C-alpha cells in the first residue's frame, strides 16, 4: 500500500470510531467532546501562528468556529432562556474573536476566546455524576421537550 492509502484507511477508521462513540454517547459526553474539540483546534491554531503556518491556522480556526456554531445551534431556550442567552452571547463573542484571529497573526484573539470559554468547559466538566444520571433519567422519560438531535449535528459529519 502507498503511504496515502494507509493514511486514508487510518482516517476512515478514526472517523468510524468517532461516529460509533457518538452514536452510543449521551448528550453530556457529546458536549464534552465538542468542548474538547474547540480547545484542541484553538490550541493548534496558536501553534500554527507561532510556526507562521497560516494555512493550518485558517483550517483550525474554521473548524473551531464550526463547532462553536453547532454548540450555539443546539441551545435550548425553552429550558432556561437566561442561561441559553448567556451561552449564545459567549459563543458569539468567541466567533468574533476567531474572526479577528483569522485576519491577525497573533494569539491575543484566540487567548480571549479561550478565556471566555474556559469557565463553561470547567463547569461542564464538574457536573456531578449524580446530576448527569438524573438528567439521563429525565431524558429517557421524555421530560425534555427537545431531544438532543439536530439535522445539522456534527455527529453526522466530519470535524476537521
N, C-alpha and C. Protein backbone atom coordinates (compact mmCIF):
# COMPACT_ATOMS: atom_id res chain seq x y z
N UNK A 1 0.83 -1.19 0.00
CA UNK A 1 0.00 0.00 0.00
C UNK A 1 0.86 1.24 0.00
N UNK A 2 0.40 2.24 -0.73
CA UNK A 2 1.08 3.52 -0.70
C UNK A 2 0.78 4.22 0.61
N UNK A 3 1.67 5.14 0.99
CA UNK A 3 1.51 5.88 2.25
C UNK A 3 0.16 6.60 2.30
N UNK A 4 -0.26 7.21 1.19
CA UNK A 4 -1.53 7.95 1.18
C UNK A 4 -2.72 7.01 1.39
N UNK A 5 -2.63 5.78 0.88
CA UNK A 5 -3.71 4.81 1.07
C UNK A 5 -3.78 4.37 2.53
N UNK A 6 -2.64 4.23 3.16
CA UNK A 6 -2.60 3.87 4.58
C UNK A 6 -3.20 5.01 5.41
N UNK A 7 -2.79 6.24 5.10
CA UNK A 7 -3.34 7.39 5.82
C UNK A 7 -4.84 7.49 5.62
N UNK A 8 -5.30 7.23 4.41
CA UNK A 8 -6.74 7.28 4.11
C UNK A 8 -7.48 6.22 4.92
N UNK A 9 -6.93 5.02 4.97
CA UNK A 9 -7.55 3.94 5.74
C UNK A 9 -7.58 4.28 7.23
N UNK A 10 -6.50 4.84 7.72
CA UNK A 10 -6.42 5.23 9.13
C UNK A 10 -7.45 6.31 9.44
N UNK A 11 -7.57 7.29 8.57
CA UNK A 11 -8.55 8.36 8.77
C UNK A 11 -9.98 7.82 8.74
N UNK A 12 -10.25 6.87 7.86
CA UNK A 12 -11.57 6.24 7.80
C UNK A 12 -11.86 5.50 9.09
N UNK A 13 -10.86 4.78 9.60
CA UNK A 13 -11.01 4.06 10.86
C UNK A 13 -11.30 5.03 12.00
N UNK A 14 -10.53 6.12 12.06
CA UNK A 14 -10.73 7.11 13.12
C UNK A 14 -12.13 7.71 13.04
N UNK A 15 -12.55 8.03 11.83
CA UNK A 15 -13.87 8.62 11.63
C UNK A 15 -14.97 7.66 12.05
N UNK A 16 -14.82 6.39 11.69
CA UNK A 16 -15.80 5.37 12.06
C UNK A 16 -15.83 5.20 13.57
N UNK A 17 -14.66 5.19 14.20
CA UNK A 17 -14.59 5.04 15.65
C UNK A 17 -15.26 6.21 16.34
N UNK A 18 -15.03 7.43 15.88
CA UNK A 18 -15.66 8.62 16.47
C UNK A 18 -17.16 8.55 16.29
N UNK A 19 -17.62 8.18 15.09
CA UNK A 19 -19.06 8.09 14.84
C UNK A 19 -19.70 7.02 15.72
N UNK A 20 -19.02 5.91 15.92
CA UNK A 20 -19.55 4.85 16.79
C UNK A 20 -19.65 5.34 18.22
N UNK A 21 -18.63 6.05 18.69
CA UNK A 21 -18.66 6.60 20.05
C UNK A 21 -19.80 7.60 20.20
N UNK A 22 -20.03 8.43 19.21
CA UNK A 22 -21.08 9.44 19.27
C UNK A 22 -22.44 8.77 19.29
N UNK A 23 -22.61 7.70 18.54
CA UNK A 23 -23.90 7.03 18.47
C UNK A 23 -24.33 6.45 19.81
N UNK A 24 -23.40 6.08 20.67
CA UNK A 24 -23.76 5.49 21.96
C UNK A 24 -23.59 6.47 23.12
N UNK A 25 -23.03 7.63 22.86
CA UNK A 25 -22.76 8.60 23.93
C UNK A 25 -24.02 9.39 24.27
N UNK A 26 -24.09 9.78 25.53
CA UNK A 26 -25.19 10.64 25.92
C UNK A 26 -24.82 12.09 25.61
N UNK A 27 -25.79 13.00 25.65
CA UNK A 27 -25.51 14.40 25.30
C UNK A 27 -24.40 15.03 26.14
N UNK A 28 -24.27 14.63 27.40
CA UNK A 28 -23.20 15.17 28.24
C UNK A 28 -21.84 14.84 27.62
N UNK A 29 -21.65 13.58 27.23
CA UNK A 29 -20.37 13.14 26.66
C UNK A 29 -20.13 13.83 25.31
N UNK A 30 -21.17 13.92 24.49
CA UNK A 30 -21.01 14.56 23.18
C UNK A 30 -20.60 16.02 23.36
N UNK A 31 -21.27 16.72 24.26
CA UNK A 31 -20.92 18.12 24.51
C UNK A 31 -19.50 18.24 25.03
N UNK A 32 -19.13 17.34 25.91
CA UNK A 32 -17.76 17.34 26.44
C UNK A 32 -16.75 17.15 25.31
N UNK A 33 -17.06 16.26 24.37
CA UNK A 33 -16.17 16.03 23.22
C UNK A 33 -16.08 17.28 22.35
N UNK A 34 -17.21 17.95 22.15
CA UNK A 34 -17.21 19.17 21.34
C UNK A 34 -16.41 20.27 22.02
N UNK A 35 -16.59 20.42 23.34
CA UNK A 35 -15.80 21.41 24.08
C UNK A 35 -14.31 21.13 23.93
N UNK A 36 -13.94 19.86 24.07
CA UNK A 36 -12.53 19.49 23.93
C UNK A 36 -12.04 19.79 22.51
N UNK A 37 -12.91 19.56 21.53
CA UNK A 37 -12.55 19.86 20.14
C UNK A 37 -12.27 21.33 19.92
N UNK A 38 -13.06 22.19 20.55
CA UNK A 38 -12.83 23.63 20.43
C UNK A 38 -11.46 23.97 20.99
N UNK A 39 -11.17 23.46 22.20
CA UNK A 39 -9.88 23.77 22.82
C UNK A 39 -8.71 23.25 22.00
N UNK A 40 -8.83 22.03 21.49
CA UNK A 40 -7.73 21.46 20.70
C UNK A 40 -7.48 22.28 19.45
N UNK A 41 -8.54 22.65 18.74
CA UNK A 41 -8.37 23.38 17.50
C UNK A 41 -7.81 24.78 17.73
N UNK A 42 -8.27 25.43 18.79
CA UNK A 42 -7.72 26.76 19.09
C UNK A 42 -6.26 26.67 19.50
N UNK A 43 -5.91 25.64 20.26
CA UNK A 43 -4.50 25.44 20.63
C UNK A 43 -3.66 25.16 19.39
N UNK A 44 -4.19 24.35 18.48
CA UNK A 44 -3.47 24.06 17.23
C UNK A 44 -3.31 25.32 16.38
N UNK A 45 -4.33 26.18 16.39
CA UNK A 45 -4.23 27.45 15.64
C UNK A 45 -3.14 28.33 16.24
N UNK A 46 -3.05 28.35 17.58
CA UNK A 46 -2.00 29.12 18.23
C UNK A 46 -0.62 28.59 17.82
N UNK A 47 -0.47 27.28 17.81
CA UNK A 47 0.80 26.69 17.39
C UNK A 47 1.12 27.02 15.95
N UNK A 48 0.11 27.01 15.11
CA UNK A 48 0.32 27.35 13.70
C UNK A 48 0.78 28.80 13.55
N UNK A 49 0.22 29.68 14.36
CA UNK A 49 0.66 31.09 14.31
C UNK A 49 2.13 31.19 14.70
N UNK A 50 2.51 30.48 15.74
CA UNK A 50 3.91 30.52 16.19
C UNK A 50 4.85 29.97 15.12
N UNK A 51 4.38 29.03 14.31
CA UNK A 51 5.21 28.46 13.23
C UNK A 51 5.04 29.22 11.92
N UNK A 52 4.17 30.25 11.95
CA UNK A 52 3.84 31.02 10.75
C UNK A 52 3.23 30.13 9.67
N UNK A 53 2.47 29.12 10.08
CA UNK A 53 1.76 28.21 9.18
C UNK A 53 0.33 28.71 9.04
N UNK A 54 0.15 29.66 8.13
CA UNK A 54 -1.13 30.34 8.00
C UNK A 54 -2.24 29.45 7.46
N UNK A 55 -1.88 28.46 6.65
CA UNK A 55 -2.89 27.54 6.12
C UNK A 55 -3.50 26.71 7.25
N UNK A 56 -2.65 26.14 8.11
CA UNK A 56 -3.15 25.35 9.23
C UNK A 56 -3.94 26.23 10.19
N UNK A 57 -3.44 27.44 10.43
CA UNK A 57 -4.16 28.38 11.31
C UNK A 57 -5.58 28.58 10.80
N UNK A 58 -5.73 28.83 9.51
CA UNK A 58 -7.05 29.07 8.93
C UNK A 58 -7.95 27.85 9.07
N UNK A 59 -7.40 26.67 8.81
CA UNK A 59 -8.20 25.44 8.91
C UNK A 59 -8.66 25.19 10.35
N UNK A 60 -7.77 25.37 11.31
CA UNK A 60 -8.11 25.11 12.71
C UNK A 60 -9.11 26.14 13.24
N UNK A 61 -8.93 27.40 12.86
CA UNK A 61 -9.89 28.42 13.27
C UNK A 61 -11.27 28.16 12.67
N UNK A 62 -11.29 27.76 11.41
CA UNK A 62 -12.56 27.46 10.75
C UNK A 62 -13.26 26.28 11.43
N UNK A 63 -12.50 25.26 11.76
CA UNK A 63 -13.06 24.09 12.42
C UNK A 63 -13.60 24.44 13.81
N UNK A 64 -12.84 25.24 14.57
CA UNK A 64 -13.29 25.66 15.90
C UNK A 64 -14.58 26.47 15.77
N UNK A 65 -14.64 27.35 14.78
CA UNK A 65 -15.85 28.15 14.56
C UNK A 65 -17.04 27.27 14.21
N UNK A 66 -16.81 26.24 13.40
CA UNK A 66 -17.90 25.31 13.05
C UNK A 66 -18.46 24.61 14.29
N UNK A 67 -17.58 24.19 15.17
CA UNK A 67 -18.03 23.52 16.40
C UNK A 67 -18.80 24.49 17.27
N UNK A 68 -18.29 25.71 17.40
CA UNK A 68 -18.97 26.70 18.24
C UNK A 68 -20.35 27.03 17.66
N UNK A 69 -20.44 27.17 16.34
CA UNK A 69 -21.75 27.41 15.71
C UNK A 69 -22.70 26.26 15.98
N UNK A 70 -22.18 25.05 15.96
CA UNK A 70 -23.02 23.88 16.26
C UNK A 70 -23.50 23.95 17.72
N UNK A 71 -22.59 24.22 18.64
CA UNK A 71 -22.98 24.35 20.05
C UNK A 71 -24.04 25.43 20.21
N UNK A 72 -23.86 26.52 19.51
CA UNK A 72 -24.81 27.63 19.58
C UNK A 72 -26.18 27.20 19.05
N UNK A 73 -26.19 26.40 17.99
CA UNK A 73 -27.45 25.98 17.37
C UNK A 73 -28.21 24.96 18.22
N UNK A 74 -27.54 24.33 19.16
CA UNK A 74 -28.22 23.31 19.98
C UNK A 74 -28.72 23.85 21.31
N UNK A 75 -28.53 25.14 21.57
CA UNK A 75 -29.01 25.72 22.82
C UNK A 75 -30.54 25.62 22.88
N UNK A 76 -31.03 25.25 24.04
CA UNK A 76 -32.47 25.06 24.23
C UNK A 76 -33.01 26.20 25.08
N UNK A 77 -33.59 27.20 24.43
CA UNK A 77 -34.10 28.38 25.12
C UNK A 77 -35.37 28.05 25.92
N UNK A 78 -36.00 26.91 25.66
CA UNK A 78 -37.22 26.57 26.39
C UNK A 78 -36.93 26.08 27.81
N UNK A 79 -35.73 25.63 28.09
CA UNK A 79 -35.40 25.12 29.41
C UNK A 79 -34.97 26.24 30.36
N UNK A 80 -34.12 27.13 29.91
CA UNK A 80 -33.69 28.28 30.70
C UNK A 80 -33.23 29.36 29.73
N UNK A 81 -34.13 30.29 29.47
CA UNK A 81 -33.85 31.32 28.48
C UNK A 81 -32.61 32.14 28.85
N UNK A 82 -32.46 32.46 30.13
CA UNK A 82 -31.33 33.30 30.56
C UNK A 82 -29.99 32.58 30.35
N UNK A 83 -29.92 31.32 30.75
CA UNK A 83 -28.67 30.56 30.58
C UNK A 83 -28.37 30.38 29.10
N UNK A 84 -29.40 30.02 28.33
CA UNK A 84 -29.19 29.82 26.90
C UNK A 84 -28.72 31.11 26.24
N UNK A 85 -29.31 32.25 26.62
CA UNK A 85 -28.90 33.52 26.02
C UNK A 85 -27.47 33.88 26.41
N UNK A 86 -27.11 33.63 27.67
CA UNK A 86 -25.73 33.90 28.11
C UNK A 86 -24.74 33.05 27.32
N UNK A 87 -25.04 31.77 27.16
CA UNK A 87 -24.15 30.90 26.38
C UNK A 87 -24.10 31.36 24.92
N UNK A 88 -25.24 31.71 24.36
CA UNK A 88 -25.29 32.20 22.99
C UNK A 88 -24.37 33.41 22.82
N UNK A 89 -24.45 34.34 23.78
CA UNK A 89 -23.63 35.56 23.73
C UNK A 89 -22.14 35.24 23.85
N UNK A 90 -21.79 34.29 24.72
CA UNK A 90 -20.37 33.90 24.86
C UNK A 90 -19.89 33.24 23.58
N UNK A 91 -20.69 32.35 23.00
CA UNK A 91 -20.30 31.72 21.74
C UNK A 91 -20.15 32.78 20.64
N UNK A 92 -21.07 33.76 20.63
CA UNK A 92 -20.99 34.83 19.64
C UNK A 92 -19.69 35.63 19.81
N UNK A 93 -19.33 35.92 21.06
CA UNK A 93 -18.07 36.62 21.34
C UNK A 93 -16.88 35.79 20.85
N UNK A 94 -16.92 34.49 21.11
CA UNK A 94 -15.84 33.61 20.66
C UNK A 94 -15.72 33.62 19.15
N UNK A 95 -16.85 33.61 18.46
CA UNK A 95 -16.82 33.66 16.99
C UNK A 95 -16.22 34.97 16.50
N UNK A 96 -16.51 36.04 17.21
CA UNK A 96 -15.92 37.34 16.87
C UNK A 96 -14.40 37.30 17.07
N UNK A 97 -13.96 36.70 18.18
CA UNK A 97 -12.52 36.57 18.44
C UNK A 97 -11.85 35.73 17.35
N UNK A 98 -12.51 34.66 16.95
CA UNK A 98 -11.95 33.79 15.91
C UNK A 98 -11.86 34.55 14.59
N UNK A 99 -12.87 35.36 14.29
CA UNK A 99 -12.82 36.18 13.07
C UNK A 99 -11.65 37.15 13.14
N UNK A 100 -11.42 37.74 14.31
CA UNK A 100 -10.27 38.63 14.47
C UNK A 100 -8.96 37.86 14.29
N UNK A 101 -8.90 36.67 14.86
CA UNK A 101 -7.69 35.85 14.76
C UNK A 101 -7.41 35.45 13.31
N UNK A 102 -8.46 35.32 12.52
CA UNK A 102 -8.29 34.91 11.13
C UNK A 102 -7.55 35.97 10.32
N UNK A 103 -7.68 37.24 10.71
CA UNK A 103 -7.03 38.31 9.94
C UNK A 103 -5.77 38.83 10.61
N UNK A 104 -5.54 38.43 11.84
CA UNK A 104 -4.34 38.86 12.56
C UNK A 104 -3.35 37.70 12.65
N UNK A 105 -2.11 38.02 12.88
CA UNK A 105 -1.10 36.98 13.06
C UNK A 105 -0.53 37.10 14.47
N UNK A 106 -1.44 37.02 15.45
CA UNK A 106 -1.03 36.96 16.85
C UNK A 106 -2.07 36.16 17.62
N UNK A 107 -1.71 35.74 18.81
CA UNK A 107 -2.56 34.84 19.58
C UNK A 107 -3.57 35.53 20.49
N UNK A 108 -3.52 36.83 20.59
CA UNK A 108 -4.40 37.53 21.54
C UNK A 108 -5.89 37.22 21.33
N UNK A 109 -6.42 37.29 20.09
CA UNK A 109 -7.84 36.98 19.94
C UNK A 109 -8.17 35.53 20.33
N UNK A 110 -7.27 34.62 20.05
CA UNK A 110 -7.50 33.21 20.42
C UNK A 110 -7.48 33.08 21.94
N UNK A 111 -6.54 33.75 22.58
CA UNK A 111 -6.50 33.73 24.05
C UNK A 111 -7.78 34.31 24.64
N UNK A 112 -8.31 35.37 24.03
CA UNK A 112 -9.56 35.96 24.51
C UNK A 112 -10.71 34.96 24.38
N UNK A 113 -10.76 34.25 23.27
CA UNK A 113 -11.81 33.24 23.08
C UNK A 113 -11.66 32.11 24.11
N UNK A 114 -10.45 31.66 24.31
CA UNK A 114 -10.21 30.60 25.29
C UNK A 114 -10.57 31.05 26.71
N UNK A 115 -10.23 32.28 27.05
CA UNK A 115 -10.55 32.80 28.39
C UNK A 115 -12.06 32.91 28.61
N UNK A 116 -12.81 33.21 27.56
CA UNK A 116 -14.26 33.28 27.68
C UNK A 116 -14.86 31.88 27.81
N UNK A 117 -14.23 30.92 27.16
CA UNK A 117 -14.77 29.56 27.09
C UNK A 117 -14.38 28.68 28.28
N UNK A 118 -13.24 28.97 28.87
CA UNK A 118 -12.72 28.12 29.95
C UNK A 118 -13.72 27.91 31.09
N UNK A 119 -14.39 28.95 31.60
CA UNK A 119 -15.34 28.71 32.69
C UNK A 119 -16.50 27.78 32.30
N UNK A 120 -16.93 27.86 31.05
CA UNK A 120 -18.01 26.98 30.58
C UNK A 120 -17.54 25.54 30.58
N UNK A 121 -16.36 25.31 30.01
CA UNK A 121 -15.83 23.95 29.96
C UNK A 121 -15.59 23.40 31.36
N UNK A 122 -15.02 24.23 32.25
CA UNK A 122 -14.76 23.77 33.61
C UNK A 122 -16.06 23.44 34.33
N UNK A 123 -17.08 24.27 34.16
CA UNK A 123 -18.37 24.00 34.80
C UNK A 123 -18.96 22.70 34.27
N UNK A 124 -18.85 22.50 32.96
CA UNK A 124 -19.39 21.28 32.35
C UNK A 124 -18.64 20.05 32.87
N UNK A 125 -17.32 20.15 32.93
CA UNK A 125 -16.51 19.03 33.40
C UNK A 125 -16.80 18.70 34.87
N UNK A 126 -17.28 19.68 35.63
CA UNK A 126 -17.52 19.48 37.05
C UNK A 126 -18.97 19.14 37.40
N UNK A 127 -19.79 18.86 36.40
CA UNK A 127 -21.16 18.44 36.69
C UNK A 127 -21.08 17.09 37.40
N UNK A 128 -21.68 17.00 38.58
CA UNK A 128 -21.60 15.74 39.34
C UNK A 128 -22.25 14.58 38.59
N UNK A 129 -21.70 13.40 38.79
CA UNK A 129 -22.22 12.18 38.15
C UNK A 129 -23.70 12.01 38.46
N UNK A 130 -24.09 12.28 39.70
CA UNK A 130 -25.50 12.13 40.08
C UNK A 130 -26.40 13.03 39.25
N UNK A 131 -25.96 14.24 38.98
CA UNK A 131 -26.74 15.17 38.15
C UNK A 131 -26.82 14.68 36.71
N UNK A 132 -25.73 14.09 36.22
CA UNK A 132 -25.74 13.52 34.87
C UNK A 132 -26.75 12.38 34.79
N UNK A 133 -26.75 11.51 35.80
CA UNK A 133 -27.68 10.37 35.84
C UNK A 133 -29.12 10.87 35.90
N UNK A 134 -29.36 11.89 36.72
CA UNK A 134 -30.71 12.45 36.85
C UNK A 134 -31.20 13.01 35.51
N UNK A 135 -30.32 13.72 34.81
CA UNK A 135 -30.68 14.26 33.50
C UNK A 135 -30.97 13.15 32.51
N UNK A 136 -30.18 12.07 32.55
CA UNK A 136 -30.43 10.94 31.65
C UNK A 136 -31.77 10.29 31.93
N UNK A 137 -32.13 10.14 33.20
CA UNK A 137 -33.43 9.56 33.55
C UNK A 137 -34.56 10.44 33.04
N UNK A 138 -34.43 11.74 33.23
CA UNK A 138 -35.46 12.67 32.74
C UNK A 138 -35.57 12.59 31.22
N UNK A 139 -34.44 12.49 30.55
CA UNK A 139 -34.44 12.40 29.09
C UNK A 139 -35.12 11.12 28.64
N UNK A 140 -34.83 10.01 29.32
CA UNK A 140 -35.43 8.72 28.96
C UNK A 140 -36.94 8.74 29.17
N UNK A 141 -37.39 9.47 30.17
CA UNK A 141 -38.82 9.56 30.46
C UNK A 141 -39.52 10.62 29.61
N UNK A 142 -38.78 11.27 28.73
CA UNK A 142 -39.36 12.27 27.85
C UNK A 142 -39.63 13.59 28.54
N UNK A 143 -38.92 13.85 29.64
CA UNK A 143 -39.11 15.09 30.39
C UNK A 143 -38.77 16.31 29.56
N UNK A 144 -37.73 16.22 28.80
CA UNK A 144 -37.32 17.35 27.98
C UNK A 144 -38.12 17.33 26.69
N UNK A 145 -38.61 18.50 26.31
CA UNK A 145 -39.41 18.60 25.10
C UNK A 145 -38.59 18.35 23.84
N UNK A 146 -37.35 18.71 23.90
CA UNK A 146 -36.49 18.66 22.72
C UNK A 146 -35.39 17.63 22.96
N UNK A 147 -35.34 16.64 22.13
CA UNK A 147 -34.28 15.64 22.22
C UNK A 147 -32.99 16.23 21.69
N UNK A 148 -31.88 15.59 22.02
CA UNK A 148 -30.59 16.05 21.55
C UNK A 148 -30.36 15.51 20.15
N UNK A 149 -31.16 15.99 19.24
CA UNK A 149 -30.95 15.67 17.83
C UNK A 149 -31.05 16.97 17.06
N UNK A 150 -30.33 17.02 16.01
CA UNK A 150 -30.29 18.23 15.23
C UNK A 150 -29.80 17.84 13.85
N UNK A 151 -30.53 18.25 12.84
CA UNK A 151 -30.15 17.86 11.48
C UNK A 151 -28.77 18.39 11.10
N UNK A 152 -28.31 19.44 11.78
CA UNK A 152 -27.00 20.00 11.45
C UNK A 152 -25.93 19.44 12.37
N UNK A 153 -26.24 18.36 13.05
CA UNK A 153 -25.31 17.80 14.04
C UNK A 153 -24.00 17.40 13.41
N UNK A 154 -22.91 17.76 14.09
CA UNK A 154 -21.60 17.35 13.64
C UNK A 154 -21.42 15.84 13.79
N UNK A 155 -22.32 15.22 14.54
CA UNK A 155 -22.24 13.77 14.72
C UNK A 155 -22.46 13.05 13.40
N UNK A 156 -23.10 13.73 12.46
CA UNK A 156 -23.36 13.10 11.16
C UNK A 156 -22.35 13.52 10.11
N UNK A 157 -21.39 14.35 10.51
CA UNK A 157 -20.42 14.85 9.55
C UNK A 157 -19.02 14.60 10.04
N UNK A 158 -18.16 15.43 9.61
CA UNK A 158 -16.76 15.29 9.96
C UNK A 158 -16.28 16.55 10.64
N UNK A 159 -15.54 16.39 11.69
CA UNK A 159 -14.92 17.53 12.34
C UNK A 159 -13.50 17.61 11.81
N UNK A 160 -13.18 18.73 11.20
CA UNK A 160 -11.86 18.88 10.60
C UNK A 160 -10.84 19.19 11.64
